[in-house]
């Protein structure tokens, strides 16, 4: 499958903070003075061409609005809703984040599960949001290393009132070896119903100039061989074209995804 995203546009309602690399920083961080909320908006329209079918389509992939801010120097919040996720309205994020000390974060609420490089960029392998509790820490090392892990319901966003006897967890570690080069390792174990699923993921990306190049591999196992093992691969190249006035940028994306399942072989 070849996917070309023609018009992913990001519009910012209030100018965000800018770091030394000129990239947008979310307000959801430890603040000392400014408690005014920031409103962000993103519209992503795309065109897809399915090579096996010989057919194409236009689609509004996302129309998101989010609010981030701080109520105390060490207490932040985020709320995000997608007004059109392929035609459906979805509540995405609703959580509170604490910063007890430098490098340490504690988050509780509805959030993206810490799994894969960046789940919103990899919908096939790891676009998972759930309700739970996470702890993250950035190690004070020469090579920036961030580890994050947490406990979750494991049943997604719609079944929050269900009681769970099993522990569902997710964890990942990110290594920023040099400017623009990232390696991410993650693991996840959930049991939404009768079958437990174990997932392992490795991914990397490199950013240079206006280009973002990324690749990711996921391996999933099911308890008691209930289903076939799953191998998933996601790769893409993204080019950002800055727009100086109304919008922030226009992005052009070339992407390839593949999922393969196979049955365990038993030798005589």
Protein backbone atom coordinates (compact mmCIF):
# COMPACT_ATOMS: atom_id res chain seq x y z
CA UNK A 1 0.00 0.00 0.00
CA UNK A 2 1.30 3.43 -0.93
CA UNK A 3 -0.08 6.39 1.00
CA UNK A 4 0.48 10.02 0.03
CA UNK A 5 -0.68 12.64 2.54
CA UNK A 6 -1.32 15.77 0.51
CA UNK A 7 -2.51 18.33 3.04
CA UNK A 8 -1.71 17.67 6.70
CA UNK A 9 -2.00 21.21 8.08
CA UNK A 10 -1.28 22.26 11.66
CA UNK A 11 -2.84 25.53 12.81
CA UNK A 12 -1.85 26.97 16.17
CA UNK A 13 -4.46 29.19 17.83
CA UNK A 14 -1.97 30.68 20.29
CA UNK A 15 1.77 30.96 19.49
CA UNK A 16 3.57 28.13 21.32
CA UNK A 17 6.95 28.26 23.01
CA UNK A 18 9.88 27.65 20.70
CA UNK A 19 13.01 25.78 21.70
CA UNK A 20 16.53 26.47 20.44
CA UNK A 21 15.98 24.21 17.43
CA UNK A 22 12.98 26.29 16.36
CA UNK A 23 10.50 23.51 17.08
CA UNK A 24 7.19 23.81 18.92
CA UNK A 25 7.17 22.97 22.62
CA UNK A 26 3.95 22.12 24.41
CA UNK A 27 3.04 24.20 27.41
CA UNK A 28 2.39 21.02 29.36
CA UNK A 29 5.62 21.14 31.37
CA UNK A 30 6.93 22.55 34.64
CA UNK A 31 6.10 26.28 34.66
CA UNK A 32 7.03 28.99 37.16
CA UNK A 33 4.94 32.00 36.11
CA UNK A 34 2.70 31.62 33.07
CA UNK A 35 -0.50 29.66 33.76
CA UNK A 36 -2.44 30.78 30.69
CA UNK A 37 -3.68 27.74 28.71
CA UNK A 38 -2.58 27.10 25.15
CA UNK A 39 -4.97 25.93 22.43
CA UNK A 40 -3.63 23.84 19.57
CA UNK A 41 -5.40 22.67 16.42
CA UNK A 42 -4.46 20.18 13.73
CA UNK A 43 -6.22 19.31 10.47
CA UNK A 44 -4.89 16.42 8.41
CA UNK A 45 -6.44 15.77 5.02
CA UNK A 46 -5.00 13.01 2.89
CA UNK A 47 -5.21 11.02 -0.31
CA UNK A 48 -4.65 7.25 -0.27
CA UNK A 49 -4.00 4.94 -3.17
CA UNK A 50 -4.46 1.19 -2.60
CA UNK A 51 -2.11 -0.56 -5.01
CA UNK A 52 -3.70 -4.02 -4.74
CA UNK A 53 -7.20 -2.67 -5.50
CA UNK A 54 -6.17 0.00 -7.96
CA UNK A 55 -8.43 2.49 -6.13
CA UNK A 56 -7.98 5.75 -4.25
CA UNK A 57 -9.83 8.01 -1.82
CA UNK A 58 -9.69 11.42 -0.09
CA UNK A 59 -10.19 11.58 3.66
CA UNK A 60 -10.03 13.89 6.70
CA UNK A 61 -7.75 11.80 8.89
CA UNK A 62 -7.82 14.15 11.89
CA UNK A 63 -9.34 17.44 13.02
CA UNK A 64 -7.96 17.79 16.54
CA UNK A 65 -8.25 20.48 19.19
CA UNK A 66 -6.29 20.38 22.45
CA UNK A 67 -5.82 22.53 25.53
CA UNK A 68 -2.67 22.34 27.66
CA UNK A 69 -1.52 24.37 30.63
CA UNK A 70 -0.36 24.53 34.22
CA UNK A 71 -2.36 25.26 37.37
CA UNK A 72 0.73 25.21 39.62
CA UNK A 73 4.47 25.21 38.89
CA UNK A 74 4.50 21.42 39.22
CA UNK A 75 0.97 20.51 38.06
CA UNK A 76 -0.02 20.41 34.38
CA UNK A 77 -3.03 19.18 32.43
CA UNK A 78 -4.07 18.27 28.90
CA UNK A 79 -7.41 17.69 27.20
CA UNK A 80 -7.61 16.73 23.51
CA UNK A 81 -10.55 15.81 21.29
CA UNK A 82 -10.61 14.69 17.67
CA UNK A 83 -13.63 16.13 15.88
CA UNK A 84 -13.05 13.90 12.86
CA UNK A 85 -11.04 10.71 13.23
CA UNK A 86 -11.90 9.27 9.83
CA UNK A 87 -15.41 10.68 10.30
CA UNK A 88 -15.86 9.89 14.04
CA UNK A 89 -15.61 12.11 17.14
CA UNK A 90 -13.23 10.78 19.80
CA UNK A 91 -12.01 12.03 23.16
CA UNK A 92 -8.26 11.37 23.10
CA UNK A 93 -6.45 12.77 26.14
CA UNK A 94 -7.73 13.89 29.55
CA UNK A 95 -5.06 13.73 32.23
CA UNK A 96 -3.14 15.53 34.97
CA UNK A 97 0.66 15.46 35.09
CA UNK A 98 2.82 16.13 38.14
CA UNK A 99 6.52 17.09 38.26
CA UNK A 100 7.68 16.09 41.79
CA UNK A 101 11.35 16.74 40.98
CA UNK A 102 13.63 17.45 38.05
CA UNK A 103 13.37 14.76 35.38
CA UNK A 104 10.48 12.92 37.06
CA UNK A 105 6.86 12.96 35.83
CA UNK A 106 3.75 11.27 37.21
CA UNK A 107 0.63 11.11 35.02
CA UNK A 108 -2.91 9.91 35.78
CA UNK A 109 -5.94 9.82 33.49
CA UNK A 110 -6.74 9.01 29.88
CA UNK A 111 -3.61 9.09 27.75
CA UNK A 112 -1.50 7.50 25.04
CA UNK A 113 0.04 4.29 26.34
CA UNK A 114 3.88 4.46 26.49
CA UNK A 115 4.49 2.02 23.66
CA UNK A 116 6.20 2.36 20.22
CA UNK A 117 8.14 5.40 18.95
CA UNK A 118 5.14 7.70 18.83
CA UNK A 119 1.82 5.96 18.52
CA UNK A 120 0.00 8.75 16.69
CA UNK A 121 2.53 8.38 13.86
CA UNK A 122 2.13 4.60 13.74
CA UNK A 123 -1.58 3.75 13.75
CA UNK A 124 -1.06 0.20 12.53
CA UNK A 125 1.33 -0.96 15.20
CA UNK A 126 0.63 1.06 18.30
CA UNK A 127 -2.13 3.62 18.27
CA UNK A 128 -3.30 2.75 21.79
CA UNK A 129 -4.91 5.03 24.35
CA UNK A 130 -6.11 3.82 27.73
CA UNK A 131 -6.89 4.95 31.26
CA UNK A 132 -4.19 4.46 33.84
CA UNK A 133 -1.16 5.73 35.71
CA UNK A 134 2.42 6.26 34.49
CA UNK A 135 5.80 7.29 35.88
CA UNK A 136 8.54 8.69 33.67
CA UNK A 137 12.14 9.68 34.35
CA UNK A 138 14.90 11.26 32.28
CA UNK A 139 18.28 9.93 33.38
CA UNK A 140 21.05 12.51 34.03
CA UNK A 141 23.43 10.93 31.51
CA UNK A 142 25.51 12.26 28.62
CA UNK A 143 23.25 10.40 26.19
CA UNK A 144 19.67 11.51 26.99
CA UNK A 145 17.68 8.44 28.10
CA UNK A 146 14.02 8.60 29.07
CA UNK A 147 12.20 5.64 30.61
CA UNK A 148 8.45 5.46 31.19
CA UNK A 149 6.13 2.77 32.44
CA UNK A 150 2.64 2.41 33.79
CA UNK A 151 -0.43 0.34 34.66
CA UNK A 152 -3.61 0.51 32.59
CA UNK A 153 -7.07 -1.01 32.37
CA UNK A 154 -6.06 -2.79 29.18
CA UNK A 155 -9.55 -2.51 27.68
CA UNK A 156 -9.23 0.84 25.93
CA UNK A 157 -11.28 3.98 26.51
CA UNK A 158 -14.85 2.70 26.27
CA UNK A 159 -14.94 0.11 29.08
CA UNK A 160 -13.64 2.13 32.02
CA UNK A 161 -16.12 0.71 34.57
CA UNK A 162 -15.03 -2.90 34.16
CA UNK A 163 -13.17 -4.57 37.03
CA UNK A 164 -9.85 -6.24 36.18
CA UNK A 165 -8.17 -9.13 37.98
CA UNK A 166 -5.13 -9.09 35.69
CA UNK A 167 -2.33 -6.49 35.69
CA UNK A 168 -1.91 -4.69 32.37
CA UNK A 169 1.32 -2.79 31.87
CA UNK A 170 3.34 -0.95 29.25
CA UNK A 171 6.88 0.46 29.30
CA UNK A 172 9.39 2.03 26.95
CA UNK A 173 12.89 3.53 26.86
CA UNK A 174 14.03 6.24 24.46
CA UNK A 175 17.67 6.94 23.57
CA UNK A 176 18.63 10.21 21.87
CA UNK A 177 22.14 9.36 20.68
CA UNK A 178 22.67 12.59 18.78
CA UNK A 179 20.64 15.50 17.49
CA UNK A 180 17.77 14.12 15.40
CA UNK A 181 18.55 10.42 15.99
CA UNK A 182 16.22 8.45 18.28
CA UNK A 183 16.00 4.76 19.24
CA UNK A 184 12.98 3.43 21.14
CA UNK A 185 12.48 0.04 22.80
CA UNK A 186 9.13 -0.88 24.34
CA UNK A 187 7.09 -3.76 25.74
CA UNK A 188 3.42 -4.18 26.52
CA UNK A 189 1.30 -6.87 28.19
CA UNK A 190 -2.49 -6.66 28.32
CA UNK A 191 -5.40 -9.03 28.84
CA UNK A 192 -8.62 -7.29 27.79
CA UNK A 193 -10.61 -10.55 27.81
CA UNK A 194 -9.52 -14.20 28.04
CA UNK A 195 -6.27 -14.07 26.09
CA UNK A 196 -3.14 -12.21 27.21
CA UNK A 197 -1.14 -10.40 24.53
CA UNK A 198 2.59 -9.69 24.76
CA UNK A 199 4.01 -7.09 22.36
CA UNK A 200 7.63 -6.08 21.74
CA UNK A 201 8.62 -3.10 19.64
CA UNK A 202 11.80 -1.50 18.33
CA UNK A 203 11.89 1.68 16.28
CA UNK A 204 14.18 4.49 15.21
CA UNK A 205 13.89 7.81 13.45
CA UNK A 206 16.25 10.41 12.04
CA UNK A 207 15.46 14.07 11.45
CA UNK A 208 17.53 16.32 9.22
CA UNK A 209 16.42 19.65 7.85
CA UNK A 210 12.80 19.31 6.73
CA UNK A 211 12.95 15.50 6.48
CA UNK A 212 11.81 12.89 9.00
CA UNK A 213 12.76 9.26 8.26
CA UNK A 214 11.37 6.49 10.46
CA UNK A 215 11.18 2.70 10.72
CA UNK A 216 9.55 0.40 13.25
CA UNK A 217 9.09 -3.33 13.89
CA UNK A 218 6.58 -4.99 16.25
CA UNK A 219 6.27 -8.62 17.37
CA UNK A 220 3.10 -9.77 19.16
CA UNK A 221 2.43 -13.10 20.90
CA UNK A 222 -0.80 -14.54 22.32
CA UNK A 223 -0.99 -16.76 25.41
CA UNK A 224 -1.52 -20.50 24.86
CA UNK A 225 -1.02 -19.96 21.11
CA UNK A 226 -4.61 -18.72 20.92
CA UNK A 227 -3.83 -16.83 17.70
CA UNK A 228 -1.00 -16.61 15.23
CA UNK A 229 2.05 -14.52 16.12
CA UNK A 230 2.06 -11.13 14.45
CA UNK A 231 4.95 -9.30 12.78
CA UNK A 232 4.34 -5.68 11.77
CA UNK A 233 6.59 -3.19 9.98
CA UNK A 234 6.03 0.52 9.48
CA UNK A 235 8.33 2.84 7.53
CA UNK A 236 7.87 6.35 6.18
CA UNK A 237 9.56 9.51 4.94
CA UNK A 238 8.03 12.90 5.71
CA UNK A 239 8.88 16.30 4.23
CA UNK A 240 7.63 19.54 5.84
CA UNK A 241 7.00 22.65 3.78
CA UNK A 242 6.69 25.73 6.07
CA UNK A 243 3.69 28.01 5.55
CA UNK A 244 4.44 31.48 6.83
CA UNK A 245 0.99 32.97 7.38
CA UNK A 246 -2.25 31.16 8.28
CA UNK A 247 -0.95 27.62 8.87
CA UNK A 248 2.22 26.21 10.39
CA UNK A 249 3.25 23.77 7.65
CA UNK A 250 2.24 21.40 4.86
CA UNK A 251 3.61 17.85 5.05
CA UNK A 252 4.20 15.32 2.26
CA UNK A 253 4.37 11.71 3.40
CA UNK A 254 5.42 8.48 1.70
CA UNK A 255 4.69 5.42 3.80
CA UNK A 256 4.77 1.60 3.68
CA UNK A 257 3.12 -0.79 6.16
CA UNK A 258 3.18 -4.58 6.35
CA UNK A 259 1.65 -7.12 8.77
CA UNK A 260 2.41 -10.85 8.67
CA UNK A 261 1.03 -13.66 10.85
CA UNK A 262 2.25 -17.24 11.02
CA UNK A 263 1.51 -20.40 13.01
CA UNK A 264 4.12 -22.03 15.26
CA UNK A 265 5.73 -25.09 13.67
CA UNK A 266 6.04 -28.24 15.78
CA UNK A 267 8.91 -30.51 14.73
CA UNK A 268 8.51 -34.29 15.08
